[in-house]
N, C-alpha and C. Protein backbone atom coordinates (compact mmCIF):
# COMPACT_ATOMS: atom_id res chain seq x y z
N ASN A 1 48.33 47.12 65.83
CA ASN A 1 48.12 46.96 67.27
C ASN A 1 48.87 45.55 67.71
N MET A 2 49.81 45.75 68.61
CA MET A 2 50.95 44.74 69.43
C MET A 2 50.08 44.08 70.25
N GLU A 3 49.17 44.40 71.10
CA GLU A 3 48.50 43.32 71.61
C GLU A 3 47.36 42.86 70.56
N ALA A 4 46.95 43.42 70.06
CA ALA A 4 45.79 42.42 69.13
C ALA A 4 46.72 41.29 68.45
N SER A 5 47.88 41.38 68.12
CA SER A 5 48.46 40.48 67.42
C SER A 5 48.96 39.37 68.15
N LEU A 6 49.58 39.83 69.47
CA LEU A 6 49.57 38.67 70.49
C LEU A 6 48.65 37.93 70.90
N HIS A 7 47.50 38.89 71.07
CA HIS A 7 46.37 38.00 71.47
C HIS A 7 45.72 36.79 70.60
N ALA A 8 46.30 36.83 69.29
CA ALA A 8 45.78 35.73 68.49
C ALA A 8 46.95 34.72 68.70
N LEU A 9 47.65 34.91 69.59
CA LEU A 9 48.61 33.32 70.12
C LEU A 9 48.06 32.66 71.36
N VAL A 10 46.86 33.37 72.03
CA VAL A 10 46.58 33.15 73.56
C VAL A 10 45.46 32.17 72.95
N GLN A 11 45.18 31.30 73.65
CA GLN A 11 44.23 30.04 73.12
C GLN A 11 43.57 29.09 74.33
N PRO A 12 42.83 28.79 74.16
CA PRO A 12 42.14 28.04 75.67
C PRO A 12 42.76 26.47 75.72
N ASP A 13 43.48 26.14 74.48
CA ASP A 13 44.23 24.49 74.67
C ASP A 13 45.79 25.09 74.45
N GLY A 14 46.08 26.39 74.27
CA GLY A 14 47.45 26.51 73.78
C GLY A 14 47.94 27.42 75.19
N PRO A 15 48.46 28.72 74.67
CA PRO A 15 49.40 29.93 75.40
C PRO A 15 48.18 30.47 76.17
N ARG A 16 48.62 30.65 77.67
CA ARG A 16 47.35 31.40 78.21
C ARG A 16 47.81 33.00 78.31
N THR A 17 49.43 33.30 78.34
CA THR A 17 50.08 34.43 77.96
C THR A 17 51.11 34.59 76.77
N ALA A 18 51.10 35.72 76.49
CA ALA A 18 51.69 35.77 75.76
C ALA A 18 52.55 37.18 75.53
N ALA A 19 53.71 37.65 75.21
CA ALA A 19 54.78 38.70 75.59
C ALA A 19 55.85 39.18 74.61
N LEU A 20 55.72 40.29 74.22
CA LEU A 20 56.79 40.65 73.05
C LEU A 20 57.80 41.96 74.01
N ALA A 21 59.04 41.13 73.89
CA ALA A 21 60.03 41.76 74.77
C ALA A 21 61.32 42.07 73.93
N ASP A 22 62.15 43.01 74.50
CA ASP A 22 63.29 43.27 73.81
C ASP A 22 64.34 42.20 74.53
N ILE A 23 65.85 42.60 73.79
CA ILE A 23 66.53 41.27 74.43
C ILE A 23 66.95 41.60 75.89
N GLN A 24 66.96 42.80 76.31
CA GLN A 24 67.49 43.11 77.29
C GLN A 24 65.91 42.54 78.64
N GLY A 25 65.00 42.25 78.17
CA GLY A 25 64.02 41.63 78.93
C GLY A 25 62.92 42.71 79.27
N PHE A 26 62.76 43.75 78.60
CA PHE A 26 62.00 44.36 78.73
C PHE A 26 60.36 44.61 77.94
N LEU A 27 59.61 44.59 78.78
CA LEU A 27 58.21 43.99 78.31
C LEU A 27 58.03 45.13 77.47
N ILE A 28 57.25 44.96 76.26
CA ILE A 28 56.84 45.91 75.19
C ILE A 28 55.53 45.94 75.18
N ALA A 29 54.85 44.89 74.92
CA ALA A 29 53.22 44.44 74.81
C ALA A 29 53.18 43.43 75.36
N SER A 30 51.74 42.89 75.72
CA SER A 30 51.75 41.53 76.27
C SER A 30 49.87 41.44 75.96
N ALA A 31 49.32 39.86 76.27
CA ALA A 31 48.23 39.57 75.91
C ALA A 31 47.98 38.41 76.79
N GLY A 32 46.96 38.28 77.15
CA GLY A 32 46.54 37.13 77.97
C GLY A 32 46.62 37.26 79.53
N GLU A 33 46.82 36.06 80.48
CA GLU A 33 47.03 36.38 81.77
C GLU A 33 48.06 37.43 82.26
N THR A 34 47.86 38.17 83.22
CA THR A 34 48.78 39.34 83.14
C THR A 34 50.12 38.87 84.35
N HIS A 35 49.77 37.39 85.43
CA HIS A 35 50.76 37.70 86.29
C HIS A 35 51.88 36.95 85.61
N HIS A 36 52.16 36.68 84.28
CA HIS A 36 53.31 35.84 83.89
C HIS A 36 54.19 36.51 83.20
N GLN A 37 53.64 37.85 82.85
CA GLN A 37 54.01 38.96 81.42
C GLN A 37 55.50 39.31 81.89
N GLU A 38 55.89 39.88 83.12
CA GLU A 38 56.98 40.22 83.25
C GLU A 38 57.94 39.16 83.27
N GLY A 39 57.62 37.87 83.57
CA GLY A 39 58.46 36.65 83.55
C GLY A 39 58.68 36.35 81.94
N LEU A 40 57.81 36.37 81.55
CA LEU A 40 57.96 35.78 79.59
C LEU A 40 59.09 37.13 79.31
N ALA A 41 58.93 38.39 79.84
CA ALA A 41 60.05 39.15 78.97
C ALA A 41 61.39 39.04 79.20
N ALA A 42 61.49 38.88 80.49
CA ALA A 42 62.86 38.26 81.11
C ALA A 42 62.92 37.08 80.29
N PHE A 43 62.03 36.02 80.21
CA PHE A 43 62.85 34.84 79.47
C PHE A 43 63.27 35.25 78.11
N ALA A 44 62.42 36.16 77.62
CA ALA A 44 63.20 36.45 75.80
C ALA A 44 64.52 37.01 76.34
N ALA A 45 65.12 37.55 77.49
CA ALA A 45 66.50 37.80 77.53
C ALA A 45 67.27 36.86 77.60
N ILE A 46 66.80 35.86 78.30
CA ILE A 46 67.69 34.67 78.60
C ILE A 46 67.77 33.76 77.46
N ALA A 47 66.68 33.87 76.75
CA ALA A 47 66.92 32.78 75.66
C ALA A 47 67.57 33.51 74.47
N SER A 48 67.81 35.07 74.36
CA SER A 48 68.34 35.53 73.61
C SER A 48 70.03 35.29 73.73
N ASP A 49 70.29 35.35 75.15
CA ASP A 49 71.55 35.09 75.71
C ASP A 49 71.92 33.59 75.25
N MET A 50 71.07 32.64 75.95
CA MET A 50 71.20 31.26 75.79
C MET A 50 71.67 30.92 74.29
N VAL A 51 70.79 31.50 73.30
CA VAL A 51 71.05 31.11 71.81
C VAL A 51 72.73 31.81 71.57
N ALA A 52 72.71 32.93 72.02
CA ALA A 52 74.27 33.26 71.60
C ALA A 52 75.42 32.52 72.26
N ARG A 53 75.24 32.07 73.89
CA ARG A 53 76.27 31.05 74.36
C ARG A 53 76.31 29.97 73.39
N THR A 54 74.96 29.31 73.07
CA THR A 54 75.17 28.18 72.33
C THR A 54 75.61 28.17 70.75
N ARG A 55 75.97 29.48 70.42
CA ARG A 55 76.21 29.66 69.07
C ARG A 55 77.75 29.49 69.16
N MET A 56 78.12 29.80 70.20
CA MET A 56 79.43 29.77 70.36
C MET A 56 80.44 28.57 70.52
N LEU A 57 79.35 27.72 71.22
CA LEU A 57 79.74 26.12 71.38
C LEU A 57 79.21 25.49 70.24
N LEU A 58 78.42 25.52 69.39
CA LEU A 58 77.89 24.39 68.42
C LEU A 58 77.39 25.09 67.08
N PRO A 59 77.60 24.42 66.36
CA PRO A 59 77.50 25.31 64.90
C PRO A 59 76.04 24.94 64.25
N LEU A 60 75.66 26.56 64.86
CA LEU A 60 73.93 26.79 64.55
C LEU A 60 73.89 27.93 64.01
N ALA A 61 73.04 28.11 62.85
CA ALA A 61 72.74 29.09 62.21
C ALA A 61 71.67 30.23 63.65
N ASP A 62 71.08 31.24 62.71
CA ASP A 62 70.55 31.84 63.56
C ASP A 62 68.97 30.85 64.03
N VAL A 63 68.97 31.40 65.40
CA VAL A 63 68.08 30.14 66.19
C VAL A 63 66.62 30.97 65.80
N ALA A 64 65.69 30.27 65.64
CA ALA A 64 64.43 31.31 65.33
C ALA A 64 63.62 30.97 66.45
N ALA A 65 63.55 29.93 67.67
CA ALA A 65 62.75 29.55 68.49
C ALA A 65 63.53 28.56 69.65
N ILE A 66 62.92 28.80 71.05
CA ILE A 66 63.39 27.90 71.71
C ILE A 66 62.20 27.45 72.46
N ARG A 67 61.95 25.94 72.66
CA ARG A 67 60.86 25.43 73.36
C ARG A 67 61.11 24.85 74.79
N ILE A 68 60.58 24.90 75.67
CA ILE A 68 60.78 24.13 76.86
C ILE A 68 59.31 24.02 77.48
N SER A 69 59.33 22.29 78.18
CA SER A 69 58.41 21.60 78.52
C SER A 69 58.49 21.25 79.73
N ASP A 70 57.54 21.18 81.09
CA ASP A 70 57.86 20.89 82.27
C ASP A 70 56.88 19.40 82.08
N THR A 71 57.17 18.86 83.75
CA THR A 71 56.65 17.50 83.63
C THR A 71 54.99 17.72 83.54
N ASN A 72 54.45 18.88 83.94
CA ASN A 72 52.94 19.04 83.78
C ASN A 72 52.59 19.26 82.63
N ARG A 73 53.49 19.26 81.36
CA ARG A 73 52.88 19.53 80.17
C ARG A 73 52.70 21.05 79.77
N ILE A 74 53.33 22.03 80.70
CA ILE A 74 53.36 23.62 80.30
C ILE A 74 54.33 23.53 79.02
N VAL A 75 54.24 24.55 78.69
CA VAL A 75 54.98 24.87 77.53
C VAL A 75 55.44 26.34 77.28
N LEU A 76 56.72 26.77 77.53
CA LEU A 76 57.65 28.11 77.55
C LEU A 76 58.01 27.79 76.12
N SER A 77 57.70 29.03 75.23
CA SER A 77 58.35 29.04 74.21
C SER A 77 58.61 30.30 73.98
N CYS A 78 59.76 30.61 72.98
CA CYS A 78 60.21 32.11 73.06
C CYS A 78 60.41 32.29 71.32
N ARG A 79 60.11 32.91 70.54
CA ARG A 79 60.53 33.32 68.90
C ARG A 79 61.40 34.28 68.99
N LEU A 80 62.76 34.27 68.41
CA LEU A 80 63.44 35.46 68.55
C LEU A 80 63.92 35.98 67.23
N PHE A 81 63.81 37.60 67.18
CA PHE A 81 63.67 37.88 65.64
C PHE A 81 64.01 39.37 66.06
N SER A 82 64.54 40.03 64.69
CA SER A 82 65.16 41.26 64.68
C SER A 82 64.21 42.14 64.13
N SER A 83 63.99 43.49 64.54
CA SER A 83 63.30 44.41 63.52
C SER A 83 63.19 45.87 64.25
N GLY A 84 63.68 46.84 63.28
CA GLY A 84 64.20 48.12 63.83
C GLY A 84 65.62 48.43 63.88
N GLY A 85 66.52 47.24 63.87
CA GLY A 85 67.69 47.29 64.53
C GLY A 85 67.89 46.85 65.90
N GLN A 86 66.68 46.48 66.17
CA GLN A 86 66.33 45.74 67.89
C GLN A 86 66.06 44.07 67.70
N GLY A 87 66.98 43.70 68.61
CA GLY A 87 66.60 42.11 69.11
C GLY A 87 65.07 42.00 69.59
N LEU A 88 64.34 41.18 69.45
CA LEU A 88 63.08 41.06 69.82
C LEU A 88 62.87 39.59 70.39
N GLY A 89 62.02 39.18 71.35
CA GLY A 89 61.29 37.83 71.50
C GLY A 89 59.76 37.83 71.74
N VAL A 90 59.28 36.99 70.95
CA VAL A 90 57.87 36.72 71.62
C VAL A 90 57.78 35.50 72.26
N ALA A 91 57.49 35.48 73.71
CA ALA A 91 57.64 34.48 74.40
C ALA A 91 55.91 34.20 74.79
N THR A 92 55.62 32.75 75.21
CA THR A 92 54.14 32.32 75.37
C THR A 92 54.74 31.34 76.23
N LEU A 93 53.59 31.12 77.12
CA LEU A 93 53.45 30.28 78.55
C LEU A 93 52.23 29.60 78.36
N GLY A 94 51.75 28.52 78.83
CA GLY A 94 50.46 27.68 78.77
C GLY A 94 50.48 26.22 78.48
N PRO A 95 49.19 25.79 78.13
CA PRO A 95 49.73 24.01 78.37
C PRO A 95 49.91 23.36 77.10
N GLY A 96 49.96 24.58 76.00
CA GLY A 96 50.28 24.32 74.46
C GLY A 96 51.21 25.39 74.10
N GLU A 97 51.39 25.28 72.79
CA GLU A 97 51.94 26.50 72.25
C GLU A 97 51.68 26.72 70.93
N PRO A 98 51.48 27.94 70.58
CA PRO A 98 50.88 28.48 69.09
C PRO A 98 51.80 27.67 67.89
N SER A 99 50.54 27.38 66.84
CA SER A 99 51.04 26.92 65.74
C SER A 99 51.92 27.28 64.91
N SER A 100 53.00 26.81 64.25
CA SER A 100 54.10 27.56 63.63
C SER A 100 53.82 28.54 62.75
N GLU A 101 52.71 28.53 61.95
CA GLU A 101 51.93 29.24 61.03
C GLU A 101 51.47 30.67 61.61
N ASP A 102 50.82 30.24 62.91
CA ASP A 102 50.35 31.60 63.68
C ASP A 102 51.42 32.46 64.56
N ALA A 103 52.30 31.33 65.07
CA ALA A 103 53.75 32.40 65.21
C ALA A 103 54.33 33.42 64.08
N ASP A 104 54.55 32.33 62.93
CA ASP A 104 55.28 33.03 62.03
C ASP A 104 54.41 34.36 61.57
N ARG A 105 53.13 34.33 61.56
CA ARG A 105 51.79 35.48 60.99
C ARG A 105 52.62 36.61 62.41
N VAL A 106 52.13 36.33 63.25
CA VAL A 106 52.33 37.36 64.42
C VAL A 106 53.94 37.71 64.30
N VAL A 107 54.89 37.12 64.52
CA VAL A 107 55.93 37.53 64.67
C VAL A 107 56.41 38.74 63.31
N SER A 108 55.60 38.36 62.31
CA SER A 108 55.89 39.09 61.28
C SER A 108 55.35 40.71 61.05
N GLU A 109 53.89 40.42 61.57
CA GLU A 109 53.06 41.41 62.10
C GLU A 109 53.85 42.50 63.15
N LEU A 110 54.37 41.87 63.75
CA LEU A 110 55.10 43.05 65.17
C LEU A 110 56.55 43.57 64.47
N SER A 111 57.09 42.67 63.47
CA SER A 111 58.15 43.14 63.11
C SER A 111 57.84 44.40 62.02
N GLU A 112 57.12 44.15 61.39
CA GLU A 112 56.35 45.20 60.98
C GLU A 112 56.02 46.67 61.34
N VAL A 113 55.48 46.32 62.59
CA VAL A 113 54.90 47.42 63.48
C VAL A 113 56.22 48.21 64.11
N VAL A 114 57.39 47.23 64.60
CA VAL A 114 58.22 47.82 65.14
C VAL A 114 59.51 48.54 64.50
N ALA A 115 59.17 47.82 63.04
CA ALA A 115 60.25 48.96 61.98
C ALA A 115 59.77 49.94 61.83
N GLY A 116 58.30 49.92 61.30
CA GLY A 116 57.25 51.04 61.31
C GLY A 116 57.61 52.09 62.38
N LYS A 117 57.65 51.79 63.79
CA LYS A 117 57.77 53.23 64.82
C LYS A 117 59.33 53.14 64.84
N SER A 118 59.95 52.64 64.78
CA SER A 118 61.31 52.78 64.61
C SER A 118 61.91 53.90 63.47
N ALA A 119 61.21 53.32 62.05
CA ALA A 119 61.44 54.45 61.38
C ALA A 119 60.81 56.00 61.48
N THR A 120 59.89 56.16 61.73
CA THR A 120 58.95 57.15 62.56
C THR A 120 59.75 58.07 63.09
N SER A 121 60.34 57.07 64.66
CA SER A 121 61.16 57.84 65.42
C SER A 121 62.37 58.08 65.17
N ASP A 122 62.96 57.73 64.22
CA ASP A 122 64.06 58.47 63.34
C ASP A 122 64.11 59.56 62.51
N GLU A 123 62.84 59.84 62.22
CA GLU A 123 62.75 60.97 61.26
C GLU A 123 62.55 62.53 62.23
């Protein structure tokens, strides 16, 4: 379940909202506080575009994550990945960010689910 995977990223001292979106900014699944989910989905598109532009300017390989923090120590992060032939992003927002291990695990779980759905829809 995509929502259950995303819910693992929502923590009292970490992200309050997590969202899975495609790189066009369409919300696929979410967990946590509802009022920022659409904005997080839109940020996934912005993050993907920013990475593409940055890679034209600087010698970077595939970028795995983007992190933005504000003066109130709110952290906006996005993990970019591909699955089932489509670009995706998992974005989070809150007073902290998920651990690398948790984020890696959730991206892996979501990647498998999306790839499985794509394979099923191709048949």
